[in-house]
Amino acid sequence: REIVVIAIASGFLALAAGRLGAHYLPFRLRPMYEPALRAFFPQAMVEE
């Protein structure tokens, strides 16, 4: 049960760290929007 509590806490910490990393680390454009890679991807219907 301690491990379950830590797993949940780690999940929230990881989510927060991921958001902060995406904001403060050097920006990296997603492949689907990268002009050099656009031909590789169809128009995917991703609801995000």
ModelCIF file with pLDDT and N, C-alpha, C, O atoms, coordinates in Angstrom:
data_MODEL
#
_entry.id   MODEL 
#
_entity.id                         1 
_entity.type                       polymer 
_entity.pdbx_number_of_molecules   1 
#
_entity_poly.entity_id                      1 
_entity_poly.type                           'polypeptide(L)' 
_entity_poly.nstd_linkage                   no 
_entity_poly.nstd_monomer                   no 
_entity_poly.pdbx_seq_one_letter_code       REIVVIAIASGFLALAAGRLGAHYLPFRLRPMYEPALRAFFPQAMVEE 
_entity_poly.pdbx_seq_one_letter_code_can   REIVVIAIASGFLALAAGRLGAHYLPFRLRPMYEPALRAFFPQAMVEE 
_entity_poly.pdbx_strand_id                 A 
#
loop_
_entity_poly_seq.entity_id 
_entity_poly_seq.num 
_entity_poly_seq.mon_id 
_entity_poly_seq.hetero 
1 1  ARG n 
1 2  GLU n 
1 3  ILE n 
1 4  VAL n 
1 5  VAL n 
1 6  ILE n 
1 7  ALA n 
1 8  ILE n 
1 9  ALA n 
1 10 SER n 
1 11 GLY n 
1 12 PHE n 
1 13 LEU n 
1 14 ALA n 
1 15 LEU n 
1 16 ALA n 
1 17 ALA n 
1 18 GLY n 
1 19 ARG n 
1 20 LEU n 
1 21 GLY n 
1 22 ALA n 
1 23 HIS n 
1 24 TYR n 
1 25 LEU n 
1 26 PRO n 
1 27 PHE n 
1 28 ARG n 
1 29 LEU n 
1 30 ARG n 
1 31 PRO n 
1 32 MET n 
1 33 TYR n 
1 34 GLU n 
1 35 PRO n 
1 36 ALA n 
1 37 LEU n 
1 38 ARG n 
1 39 ALA n 
1 40 PHE n 
1 41 PHE n 
1 42 PRO n 
1 43 GLN n 
1 44 ALA n 
1 45 MET n 
1 46 VAL n 
1 47 GLU n 
1 48 GLU n 
#
_struct_asym.id          A 
_struct_asym.entity_id   1 
#
loop_
_ma_qa_metric.id 
_ma_qa_metric.mode 
_ma_qa_metric.name 
_ma_qa_metric.software_group_id 
_ma_qa_metric.type 
1 global pLDDT . pLDDT 
2 local  pLDDT . pLDDT 
#
_ma_qa_metric_global.metric_id      1 
_ma_qa_metric_global.metric_value   75.73 
_ma_qa_metric_global.model_id       1 
_ma_qa_metric_global.ordinal_id     1 
#
loop_
_ma_qa_metric_local.label_asym_id 
_ma_qa_metric_local.label_comp_id 
_ma_qa_metric_local.label_seq_id 
_ma_qa_metric_local.metric_id 
_ma_qa_metric_local.metric_value 
_ma_qa_metric_local.model_id 
_ma_qa_metric_local.ordinal_id 
A ARG 1  2 92.00 1 1  
A GLU 2  2 92.00 1 2  
A ILE 3  2 93.00 1 3  
A VAL 4  2 94.00 1 4  
A VAL 5  2 94.00 1 5  
A ILE 6  2 93.00 1 6  
A ALA 7  2 93.00 1 7  
A ILE 8  2 92.00 1 8  
A ALA 9  2 92.00 1 9  
A SER 10 2 92.00 1 10 
A GLY 11 2 89.00 1 11 
A PHE 12 2 89.00 1 12 
A LEU 13 2 90.00 1 13 
A ALA 14 2 89.00 1 14 
A LEU 15 2 84.00 1 15 
A ALA 16 2 86.00 1 16 
A ALA 17 2 86.00 1 17 
A GLY 18 2 81.00 1 18 
A ARG 19 2 79.00 1 19 
A LEU 20 2 81.00 1 20 
A GLY 21 2 77.00 1 21 
A ALA 22 2 71.00 1 22 
A HIS 23 2 75.00 1 23 
A TYR 24 2 76.00 1 24 
A LEU 25 2 76.00 1 25 
A PRO 26 2 76.00 1 26 
A PHE 27 2 76.00 1 27 
A ARG 28 2 75.00 1 28 
A LEU 29 2 75.00 1 29 
A ARG 30 2 77.00 1 30 
A PRO 31 2 76.00 1 31 
A MET 32 2 73.00 1 32 
A TYR 33 2 72.00 1 33 
A GLU 34 2 69.00 1 34 
A PRO 35 2 63.00 1 35 
A ALA 36 2 64.00 1 36 
A LEU 37 2 62.00 1 37 
A ARG 38 2 61.00 1 38 
A ALA 39 2 58.00 1 39 
A PHE 40 2 63.00 1 40 
A PHE 41 2 64.00 1 41 
A PRO 42 2 56.00 1 42 
A GLN 43 2 55.00 1 43 
A ALA 44 2 54.00 1 44 
A MET 45 2 51.00 1 45 
A VAL 46 2 53.00 1 46 
A GLU 47 2 51.00 1 47 
A GLU 48 2 55.00 1 48 
#
loop_
_atom_site.group_PDB 
_atom_site.id 
_atom_site.type_symbol 
_atom_site.label_atom_id 
_atom_site.label_alt_id 
_atom_site.label_comp_id 
_atom_site.label_asym_id 
_atom_site.label_entity_id 
_atom_site.label_seq_id 
_atom_site.pdbx_PDB_ins_code 
_atom_site.Cartn_x 
_atom_site.Cartn_y 
_atom_site.Cartn_z 
_atom_site.occupancy 
_atom_site.B_iso_or_equiv 
_atom_site.pdbx_formal_charge 
_atom_site.auth_seq_id 
_atom_site.auth_comp_id 
_atom_site.auth_asym_id 
_atom_site.auth_atom_id 
_atom_site.pdbx_PDB_model_num 
ATOM 1   N N  . ARG A 1 1  ? 0.832  -1.207 0.000   1.00 92.00 ? 1  ARG A N  1 
ATOM 2   C CA . ARG A 1 1  ? 0.000  0.000  0.000   1.00 92.00 ? 1  ARG A CA 1 
ATOM 3   C C  . ARG A 1 1  ? 0.865  1.256  0.000   1.00 92.00 ? 1  ARG A C  1 
ATOM 4   O O  . ARG A 1 1  ? 0.507  2.262  -0.612  1.00 92.00 ? 1  ARG A O  1 
ATOM 5   N N  . GLU A 1 2  ? 1.990  1.195  0.678   1.00 92.00 ? 2  GLU A N  1 
ATOM 6   C CA . GLU A 1 2  ? 2.926  2.323  0.605   1.00 92.00 ? 2  GLU A CA 1 
ATOM 7   C C  . GLU A 1 2  ? 3.385  2.532  -0.837  1.00 92.00 ? 2  GLU A C  1 
ATOM 8   O O  . GLU A 1 2  ? 3.480  3.667  -1.305  1.00 92.00 ? 2  GLU A O  1 
ATOM 9   N N  . ILE A 1 3  ? 3.670  1.431  -1.539  1.00 93.00 ? 3  ILE A N  1 
ATOM 10  C CA . ILE A 1 3  ? 4.113  1.529  -2.929  1.00 93.00 ? 3  ILE A CA 1 
ATOM 11  C C  . ILE A 1 3  ? 3.022  2.129  -3.802  1.00 93.00 ? 3  ILE A C  1 
ATOM 12  O O  . ILE A 1 3  ? 3.315  2.911  -4.707  1.00 93.00 ? 3  ILE A O  1 
ATOM 13  N N  . VAL A 1 4  ? 1.765  1.772  -3.542  1.00 94.00 ? 4  VAL A N  1 
ATOM 14  C CA . VAL A 1 4  ? 0.656  2.348  -4.311  1.00 94.00 ? 4  VAL A CA 1 
ATOM 15  C C  . VAL A 1 4  ? 0.583  3.858  -4.095  1.00 94.00 ? 4  VAL A C  1 
ATOM 16  O O  . VAL A 1 4  ? 0.426  4.620  -5.049  1.00 94.00 ? 4  VAL A O  1 
ATOM 17  N N  . VAL A 1 5  ? 0.695  4.281  -2.845  1.00 94.00 ? 5  VAL A N  1 
ATOM 18  C CA . VAL A 1 5  ? 0.676  5.725  -2.547  1.00 94.00 ? 5  VAL A CA 1 
ATOM 19  C C  . VAL A 1 5  ? 1.815  6.421  -3.288  1.00 94.00 ? 5  VAL A C  1 
ATOM 20  O O  . VAL A 1 5  ? 1.622  7.482  -3.882  1.00 94.00 ? 5  VAL A O  1 
ATOM 21  N N  . ILE A 1 6  ? 2.994  5.822  -3.249  1.00 93.00 ? 6  ILE A N  1 
ATOM 22  C CA . ILE A 1 6  ? 4.151  6.424  -3.910  1.00 93.00 ? 6  ILE A CA 1 
ATOM 23  C C  . ILE A 1 6  ? 3.979  6.415  -5.423  1.00 93.00 ? 6  ILE A C  1 
ATOM 24  O O  . ILE A 1 6  ? 4.391  7.360  -6.096  1.00 93.00 ? 6  ILE A O  1 
ATOM 25  N N  . ALA A 1 7  ? 3.377  5.364  -5.965  1.00 93.00 ? 7  ALA A N  1 
ATOM 26  C CA . ALA A 1 7  ? 3.146  5.307  -7.415  1.00 93.00 ? 7  ALA A CA 1 
ATOM 27  C C  . ALA A 1 7  ? 2.242  6.457  -7.858  1.00 93.00 ? 7  ALA A C  1 
ATOM 28  O O  . ALA A 1 7  ? 2.499  7.094  -8.880  1.00 93.00 ? 7  ALA A O  1 
ATOM 29  N N  . ILE A 1 8  ? 1.185  6.720  -7.089  1.00 92.00 ? 8  ILE A N  1 
ATOM 30  C CA . ILE A 1 8  ? 0.291  7.838  -7.414  1.00 92.00 ? 8  ILE A CA 1 
ATOM 31  C C  . ILE A 1 8  ? 1.038  9.160  -7.274  1.00 92.00 ? 8  ILE A C  1 
ATOM 32  O O  . ILE A 1 8  ? 0.960  10.019 -8.152  1.00 92.00 ? 8  ILE A O  1 
ATOM 33  N N  . ALA A 1 9  ? 1.766  9.321  -6.159  1.00 92.00 ? 9  ALA A N  1 
ATOM 34  C CA . ALA A 1 9  ? 2.511  10.563 -5.949  1.00 92.00 ? 9  ALA A CA 1 
ATOM 35  C C  . ALA A 1 9  ? 3.568  10.746 -7.033  1.00 92.00 ? 9  ALA A C  1 
ATOM 36  O O  . ALA A 1 9  ? 3.766  11.858 -7.523  1.00 92.00 ? 9  ALA A O  1 
ATOM 37  N N  . SER A 1 10 ? 4.244  9.671  -7.410  1.00 92.00 ? 10 SER A N  1 
ATOM 38  C CA . SER A 1 10 ? 5.261  9.752  -8.461  1.00 92.00 ? 10 SER A CA 1 
ATOM 39  C C  . SER A 1 10 ? 4.632  10.095 -9.799  1.00 92.00 ? 10 SER A C  1 
ATOM 40  O O  . SER A 1 10 ? 5.217  10.826 -10.598 1.00 92.00 ? 10 SER A O  1 
ATOM 41  N N  . GLY A 1 11 ? 3.423  9.561  -10.047 1.00 89.00 ? 11 GLY A N  1 
ATOM 42  C CA . GLY A 1 11 ? 2.725  9.887  -11.285 1.00 89.00 ? 11 GLY A CA 1 
ATOM 43  C C  . GLY A 1 11 ? 2.433  11.371 -11.391 1.00 89.00 ? 11 GLY A C  1 
ATOM 44  O O  . GLY A 1 11 ? 2.662  11.980 -12.437 1.00 89.00 ? 11 GLY A O  1 
ATOM 45  N N  . PHE A 1 12 ? 1.926  11.958 -10.309 1.00 89.00 ? 12 PHE A N  1 
ATOM 46  C CA . PHE A 1 12 ? 1.665  13.401 -10.318 1.00 89.00 ? 12 PHE A CA 1 
ATOM 47  C C  . PHE A 1 12 ? 2.952  14.198 -10.437 1.00 89.00 ? 12 PHE A C  1 
ATOM 48  O O  . PHE A 1 12 ? 3.001  15.211 -11.134 1.00 89.00 ? 12 PHE A O  1 
ATOM 49  N N  . LEU A 1 13 ? 3.996  13.737 -9.755  1.00 90.00 ? 13 LEU A N  1 
ATOM 50  C CA . LEU A 1 13 ? 5.277  14.426 -9.839  1.00 90.00 ? 13 LEU A CA 1 
ATOM 51  C C  . LEU A 1 13 ? 5.851  14.338 -11.246 1.00 90.00 ? 13 LEU A C  1 
ATOM 52  O O  . LEU A 1 13 ? 6.392  15.314 -11.766 1.00 90.00 ? 13 LEU A O  1 
ATOM 53  N N  . ALA A 1 14 ? 5.732  13.156 -11.864 1.00 89.00 ? 14 ALA A N  1 
ATOM 54  C CA . ALA A 1 14 ? 6.216  12.982 -13.231 1.00 89.00 ? 14 ALA A CA 1 
ATOM 55  C C  . ALA A 1 14 ? 5.436  13.851 -14.206 1.00 89.00 ? 14 ALA A C  1 
ATOM 56  O O  . ALA A 1 14 ? 6.015  14.447 -15.114 1.00 89.00 ? 14 ALA A O  1 
ATOM 57  N N  . LEU A 1 15 ? 4.117  13.923 -14.018 1.00 84.00 ? 15 LEU A N  1 
ATOM 58  C CA . LEU A 1 15 ? 3.294  14.755 -14.893 1.00 84.00 ? 15 LEU A CA 1 
ATOM 59  C C  . LEU A 1 15 ? 3.688  16.219 -14.771 1.00 84.00 ? 15 LEU A C  1 
ATOM 60  O O  . LEU A 1 15 ? 3.823  16.921 -15.774 1.00 84.00 ? 15 LEU A O  1 
ATOM 61  N N  . ALA A 1 16 ? 3.872  16.678 -13.530 1.00 86.00 ? 16 ALA A N  1 
ATOM 62  C CA . ALA A 1 16 ? 4.290  18.064 -13.321 1.00 86.00 ? 16 ALA A CA 1 
ATOM 63  C C  . ALA A 1 16 ? 5.670  18.319 -13.899 1.00 86.00 ? 16 ALA A C  1 
ATOM 64  O O  . ALA A 1 16 ? 5.904  19.351 -14.528 1.00 86.00 ? 16 ALA A O  1 
ATOM 65  N N  . ALA A 1 17 ? 6.591  17.373 -13.687 1.00 86.00 ? 17 ALA A N  1 
ATOM 66  C CA . ALA A 1 17 ? 7.952  17.535 -14.214 1.00 86.00 ? 17 ALA A CA 1 
ATOM 67  C C  . ALA A 1 17 ? 7.943  17.542 -15.738 1.00 86.00 ? 17 ALA A C  1 
ATOM 68  O O  . ALA A 1 17 ? 8.695  18.290 -16.363 1.00 86.00 ? 17 ALA A O  1 
ATOM 69  N N  . GLY A 1 18 ? 7.093  16.709 -16.333 1.00 81.00 ? 18 GLY A N  1 
ATOM 70  C CA . GLY A 1 18 ? 6.987  16.694 -17.788 1.00 81.00 ? 18 GLY A CA 1 
ATOM 71  C C  . GLY A 1 18 ? 6.471  18.014 -18.338 1.00 81.00 ? 18 GLY A C  1 
ATOM 72  O O  . GLY A 1 18 ? 6.964  18.510 -19.351 1.00 81.00 ? 18 GLY A O  1 
ATOM 73  N N  . ARG A 1 19 ? 5.479  18.577 -17.667 1.00 79.00 ? 19 ARG A N  1 
ATOM 74  C CA . ARG A 1 19 ? 4.937  19.873 -18.094 1.00 79.00 ? 19 ARG A CA 1 
ATOM 75  C C  . ARG A 1 19 ? 6.000  20.968 -17.965 1.00 79.00 ? 19 ARG A C  1 
ATOM 76  O O  . ARG A 1 19 ? 6.167  21.792 -18.863 1.00 79.00 ? 19 ARG A O  1 
ATOM 77  N N  . LEU A 1 20 ? 6.715  20.965 -16.837 1.00 81.00 ? 20 LEU A N  1 
ATOM 78  C CA . LEU A 1 20 ? 7.757  21.972 -16.636 1.00 81.00 ? 20 LEU A CA 1 
ATOM 79  C C  . LEU A 1 20 ? 8.894  21.796 -17.641 1.00 81.00 ? 20 LEU A C  1 
ATOM 80  O O  . LEU A 1 20 ? 9.436  22.772 -18.160 1.00 81.00 ? 20 LEU A O  1 
ATOM 81  N N  . GLY A 1 21 ? 9.246  20.535 -17.907 1.00 77.00 ? 21 GLY A N  1 
ATOM 82  C CA . GLY A 1 21 ? 10.310 20.274 -18.877 1.00 77.00 ? 21 GLY A CA 1 
ATOM 83  C C  . GLY A 1 21 ? 9.935  20.767 -20.259 1.00 77.00 ? 21 GLY A C  1 
ATOM 84  O O  . GLY A 1 21 ? 10.751 21.360 -20.964 1.00 77.00 ? 21 GLY A O  1 
ATOM 85  N N  . ALA A 1 22 ? 8.681  20.516 -20.644 1.00 71.00 ? 22 ALA A N  1 
ATOM 86  C CA . ALA A 1 22 ? 8.222  20.980 -21.953 1.00 71.00 ? 22 ALA A CA 1 
ATOM 87  C C  . ALA A 1 22 ? 8.222  22.499 -22.042 1.00 71.00 ? 22 ALA A C  1 
ATOM 88  O O  . ALA A 1 22 ? 8.379  23.065 -23.124 1.00 71.00 ? 22 ALA A O  1 
ATOM 89  N N  . HIS A 1 23 ? 8.046  23.154 -20.904 1.00 75.00 ? 23 HIS A N  1 
ATOM 90  C CA . HIS A 1 23 ? 7.970  24.617 -20.900 1.00 75.00 ? 23 HIS A CA 1 
ATOM 91  C C  . HIS A 1 23 ? 9.346  25.268 -20.840 1.00 75.00 ? 23 HIS A C  1 
ATOM 92  O O  . HIS A 1 23 ? 9.586  26.275 -21.506 1.00 75.00 ? 23 HIS A O  1 
ATOM 93  N N  . TYR A 1 24 ? 10.256 24.695 -20.042 1.00 76.00 ? 24 TYR A N  1 
ATOM 94  C CA . TYR A 1 24 ? 11.522 25.372 -19.782 1.00 76.00 ? 24 TYR A CA 1 
ATOM 95  C C  . TYR A 1 24 ? 12.705 24.815 -20.581 1.00 76.00 ? 24 TYR A C  1 
ATOM 96  O O  . TYR A 1 24 ? 13.693 25.519 -20.789 1.00 76.00 ? 24 TYR A O  1 
ATOM 97  N N  . LEU A 1 25 ? 12.614 23.558 -21.028 1.00 76.00 ? 25 LEU A N  1 
ATOM 98  C CA . LEU A 1 25 ? 13.694 23.035 -21.861 1.00 76.00 ? 25 LEU A CA 1 
ATOM 99  C C  . LEU A 1 25 ? 13.610 23.630 -23.258 1.00 76.00 ? 25 LEU A C  1 
ATOM 100 O O  . LEU A 1 25 ? 12.563 24.159 -23.633 1.00 76.00 ? 25 LEU A O  1 
ATOM 101 N N  . PRO A 1 26 ? 14.689 23.559 -24.040 1.00 76.00 ? 26 PRO A N  1 
ATOM 102 C CA . PRO A 1 26 ? 14.628 24.083 -25.409 1.00 76.00 ? 26 PRO A CA 1 
ATOM 103 C C  . PRO A 1 26 ? 13.454 23.490 -26.186 1.00 76.00 ? 26 PRO A C  1 
ATOM 104 O O  . PRO A 1 26 ? 13.208 22.285 -26.144 1.00 76.00 ? 26 PRO A O  1 
ATOM 105 N N  . PHE A 1 27 ? 12.741 24.356 -26.891 1.00 76.00 ? 27 PHE A N  1 
ATOM 106 C CA . PHE A 1 27 ? 11.530 23.926 -27.584 1.00 76.00 ? 27 PHE A CA 1 
ATOM 107 C C  . PHE A 1 27 ? 11.868 22.955 -28.709 1.00 76.00 ? 27 PHE A C  1 
ATOM 108 O O  . PHE A 1 27 ? 12.828 23.152 -29.454 1.00 76.00 ? 27 PHE A O  1 
ATOM 109 N N  . ARG A 1 28 ? 11.062 21.906 -28.815 1.00 75.00 ? 28 ARG A N  1 
ATOM 110 C CA . ARG A 1 28 ? 11.223 20.920 -29.880 1.00 75.00 ? 28 ARG A CA 1 
ATOM 111 C C  . ARG A 1 28 ? 9.872  20.731 -30.571 1.00 75.00 ? 28 ARG A C  1 
ATOM 112 O O  . ARG A 1 28 ? 8.922  20.230 -29.970 1.00 75.00 ? 28 ARG A O  1 
ATOM 113 N N  . LEU A 1 29 ? 9.800  21.134 -31.832 1.00 75.00 ? 29 LEU A N  1 
ATOM 114 C CA . LEU A 1 29 ? 8.552  21.018 -32.583 1.00 75.00 ? 29 LEU A CA 1 
ATOM 115 C C  . LEU A 1 29 ? 8.205  19.552 -32.790 1.00 75.00 ? 29 LEU A C  1 
ATOM 116 O O  . LEU A 1 29 ? 9.078  18.726 -33.060 1.00 75.00 ? 29 LEU A O  1 
ATOM 117 N N  . ARG A 1 30 ? 6.938  19.245 -32.663 1.00 77.00 ? 30 ARG A N  1 
ATOM 118 C CA . ARG A 1 30 ? 6.507  17.858 -32.842 1.00 77.00 ? 30 ARG A CA 1 
ATOM 119 C C  . ARG A 1 30 ? 6.706  17.434 -34.288 1.00 77.00 ? 30 ARG A C  1 
ATOM 120 O O  . ARG A 1 30 ? 6.571  18.249 -35.201 1.00 77.00 ? 30 ARG A O  1 
ATOM 121 N N  . PRO A 1 31 ? 7.029  16.157 -34.501 1.00 76.00 ? 31 PRO A N  1 
ATOM 122 C CA . PRO A 1 31 ? 7.328  15.685 -35.859 1.00 76.00 ? 31 PRO A CA 1 
ATOM 123 C C  . PRO A 1 31 ? 6.215  15.970 -36.871 1.00 76.00 ? 31 PRO A C  1 
ATOM 124 O O  . PRO A 1 31 ? 6.498  16.267 -38.032 1.00 76.00 ? 31 PRO A O  1 
ATOM 125 N N  . MET A 1 32 ? 4.957  15.882 -36.442 1.00 73.00 ? 32 MET A N  1 
ATOM 126 C CA . MET A 1 32 ? 3.853  16.065 -37.372 1.00 73.00 ? 32 MET A CA 1 
ATOM 127 C C  . MET A 1 32 ? 3.779  17.501 -37.894 1.00 73.00 ? 32 MET A C  1 
ATOM 128 O O  . MET A 1 32 ? 3.132  17.756 -38.910 1.00 73.00 ? 32 MET A O  1 
ATOM 129 N N  . TYR A 1 33 ? 4.438  18.442 -37.204 1.00 72.00 ? 33 TYR A N  1 
ATOM 130 C CA . TYR A 1 33 ? 4.448  19.835 -37.654 1.00 72.00 ? 33 TYR A CA 1 
ATOM 131 C C  . TYR A 1 33 ? 5.789  20.247 -38.244 1.00 72.00 ? 33 TYR A C  1 
ATOM 132 O O  . TYR A 1 33 ? 5.939  21.375 -38.714 1.00 72.00 ? 33 TYR A O  1 
ATOM 133 N N  . GLU A 1 34 ? 6.763  19.345 -38.223 1.00 69.00 ? 34 GLU A N  1 
ATOM 134 C CA . GLU A 1 34 ? 8.082  19.642 -38.765 1.00 69.00 ? 34 GLU A CA 1 
ATOM 135 C C  . GLU A 1 34 ? 8.026  19.585 -40.300 1.00 69.00 ? 34 GLU A C  1 
ATOM 136 O O  . GLU A 1 34 ? 7.718  18.533 -40.860 1.00 69.00 ? 34 GLU A O  1 
ATOM 137 N N  . PRO A 1 35 ? 8.321  20.708 -40.993 1.00 63.00 ? 35 PRO A N  1 
ATOM 138 C CA . PRO A 1 35 ? 8.207  20.715 -42.465 1.00 63.00 ? 35 PRO A CA 1 
ATOM 139 C C  . PRO A 1 35 ? 8.976  19.589 -43.152 1.00 63.00 ? 35 PRO A C  1 
ATOM 140 O O  . PRO A 1 35 ? 8.492  19.016 -44.128 1.00 63.00 ? 35 PRO A O  1 
ATOM 141 N N  . ALA A 1 36 ? 10.161 19.269 -42.654 1.00 64.00 ? 36 ALA A N  1 
ATOM 142 C CA . ALA A 1 36 ? 10.970 18.234 -43.299 1.00 64.00 ? 36 ALA A CA 1 
ATOM 143 C C  . ALA A 1 36 ? 10.387 16.841 -43.125 1.00 64.00 ? 36 ALA A C  1 
ATOM 144 O O  . ALA A 1 36 ? 10.738 15.924 -43.867 1.00 64.00 ? 36 ALA A O  1 
ATOM 145 N N  . LEU A 1 37 ? 9.493  16.675 -42.143 1.00 62.00 ? 37 LEU A N  1 
ATOM 146 C CA . LEU A 1 37 ? 8.920  15.358 -41.874 1.00 62.00 ? 37 LEU A CA 1 
ATOM 147 C C  . LEU A 1 37 ? 7.440  15.266 -42.209 1.00 62.00 ? 37 LEU A C  1 
ATOM 148 O O  . LEU A 1 37 ? 6.833  14.208 -42.040 1.00 62.00 ? 37 LEU A O  1 
ATOM 149 N N  . ARG A 1 38 ? 6.853  16.351 -42.679 1.00 61.00 ? 38 ARG A N  1 
ATOM 150 C CA . ARG A 1 38 ? 5.406  16.384 -42.873 1.00 61.00 ? 38 ARG A CA 1 
ATOM 151 C C  . ARG A 1 38 ? 4.932  15.294 -43.828 1.00 61.00 ? 38 ARG A C  1 
ATOM 152 O O  . ARG A 1 38 ? 3.838  14.757 -43.654 1.00 61.00 ? 38 ARG A O  1 
ATOM 153 N N  . ALA A 1 39 ? 5.740  14.961 -44.835 1.00 58.00 ? 39 ALA A N  1 
ATOM 154 C CA . ALA A 1 39 ? 5.323  13.967 -45.829 1.00 58.00 ? 39 ALA A CA 1 
ATOM 155 C C  . ALA A 1 39 ? 5.153  12.580 -45.223 1.00 58.00 ? 39 ALA A C  1 
ATOM 156 O O  . ALA A 1 39 ? 4.476  11.727 -45.798 1.00 58.00 ? 39 ALA A O  1 
ATOM 157 N N  . PHE A 1 40 ? 5.762  12.353 -44.070 1.00 63.00 ? 40 PHE A N  1 
ATOM 158 C CA . PHE A 1 40 ? 5.668  11.032 -43.456 1.00 63.00 ? 40 PHE A CA 1 
ATOM 159 C C  . PHE A 1 40 ? 4.315  10.783 -42.799 1.00 63.00 ? 40 PHE A C  1 
ATOM 160 O O  . PHE A 1 40 ? 3.924  9.633  -42.601 1.00 63.00 ? 40 PHE A O  1 
ATOM 161 N N  . PHE A 1 41 ? 3.602  11.852 -42.462 1.00 64.00 ? 41 PHE A N  1 
ATOM 162 C CA . PHE A 1 41 ? 2.423  11.689 -41.620 1.00 64.00 ? 41 PHE A CA 1 
ATOM 163 C C  . PHE A 1 41 ? 1.140  12.034 -42.355 1.00 64.00 ? 41 PHE A C  1 
ATOM 164 O O  . PHE A 1 41 ? 1.064  13.070 -43.015 1.00 64.00 ? 41 PHE A O  1 
ATOM 165 N N  . PRO A 1 42 ? 0.131  11.179 -42.250 1.00 56.00 ? 42 PRO A N  1 
ATOM 166 C CA . PRO A 1 42 ? -1.208 11.531 -42.733 1.00 56.00 ? 42 PRO A CA 1 
ATOM 167 C C  . PRO A 1 42 ? -1.828 12.535 -41.770 1.00 56.00 ? 42 PRO A C  1 
ATOM 168 O O  . PRO A 1 42 ? -1.251 12.852 -40.730 1.00 56.00 ? 42 PRO A O  1 
ATOM 169 N N  . GLN A 1 43 ? -2.988 13.022 -42.120 1.00 55.00 ? 43 GLN A N  1 
ATOM 170 C CA . GLN A 1 43 ? -3.686 13.962 -41.241 1.00 55.00 ? 43 GLN A CA 1 
ATOM 171 C C  . GLN A 1 43 ? -4.366 13.165 -40.127 1.00 55.00 ? 43 GLN A C  1 
ATOM 172 O O  . GLN A 1 43 ? -5.539 12.806 -40.229 1.00 55.00 ? 43 GLN A O  1 
ATOM 173 N N  . ALA A 1 44 ? -3.628 12.903 -39.093 1.00 54.00 ? 44 ALA A N  1 
ATOM 174 C CA . ALA A 1 44 ? -4.147 12.099 -37.995 1.00 54.00 ? 44 ALA A CA 1 
ATOM 175 C C  . ALA A 1 44 ? -5.156 12.894 -37.176 1.00 54.00 ? 44 ALA A C  1 
ATOM 176 O O  . ALA A 1 44 ? -4.948 14.072 -36.888 1.00 54.00 ? 44 ALA A O  1 
ATOM 177 N N  . MET A 1 45 ? -6.246 12.239 -36.807 1.00 51.00 ? 45 MET A N  1 
ATOM 178 C CA . MET A 1 45 ? -7.284 12.879 -36.004 1.00 51.00 ? 45 MET A CA 1 
ATOM 179 C C  . MET A 1 45 ? -6.987 12.634 -34.528 1.00 51.00 ? 45 MET A C  1 
ATOM 180 O O  . MET A 1 45 ? -7.581 11.752 -33.908 1.00 51.00 ? 45 MET A O  1 
ATOM 181 N N  . VAL A 1 46 ? -6.079 13.405 -33.979 1.00 53.00 ? 46 VAL A N  1 
ATOM 182 C CA . VAL A 1 46 ? -5.692 13.261 -32.583 1.00 53.00 ? 46 VAL A CA 1 
ATOM 183 C C  . VAL A 1 46 ? -6.334 14.382 -31.792 1.00 53.00 ? 46 VAL A C  1 
ATOM 184 O O  . VAL A 1 46 ? -6.101 15.559 -32.065 1.00 53.00 ? 46 VAL A O  1 
ATOM 185 N N  . GLU A 1 47 ? -7.143 14.014 -30.810 1.00 51.00 ? 47 GLU A N  1 
ATOM 186 C CA . GLU A 1 47 ? -7.925 14.996 -30.071 1.00 51.00 ? 47 GLU A CA 1 
ATOM 187 C C  . GLU A 1 47 ? -7.127 15.548 -28.898 1.00 51.00 ? 47 GLU A C  1 
ATOM 188 O O  . GLU A 1 47 ? -7.444 15.280 -27.739 1.00 51.00 ? 47 GLU A O  1 
ATOM 189 N N  . GLU A 1 48 ? -6.102 16.313 -29.202 1.00 55.00 ? 48 GLU A N  1 
ATOM 190 C CA . GLU A 1 48 ? -5.308 16.935 -28.157 1.00 55.00 ? 48 GLU A CA 1 
ATOM 191 C C  . GLU A 1 48 ? -5.037 18.379 -28.544 1.00 55.00 ? 48 GLU A C  1 
ATOM 192 O O  . GLU A 1 48 ? -4.377 19.104 -27.800 1.00 55.00 ? 48 GLU A O  1 
#
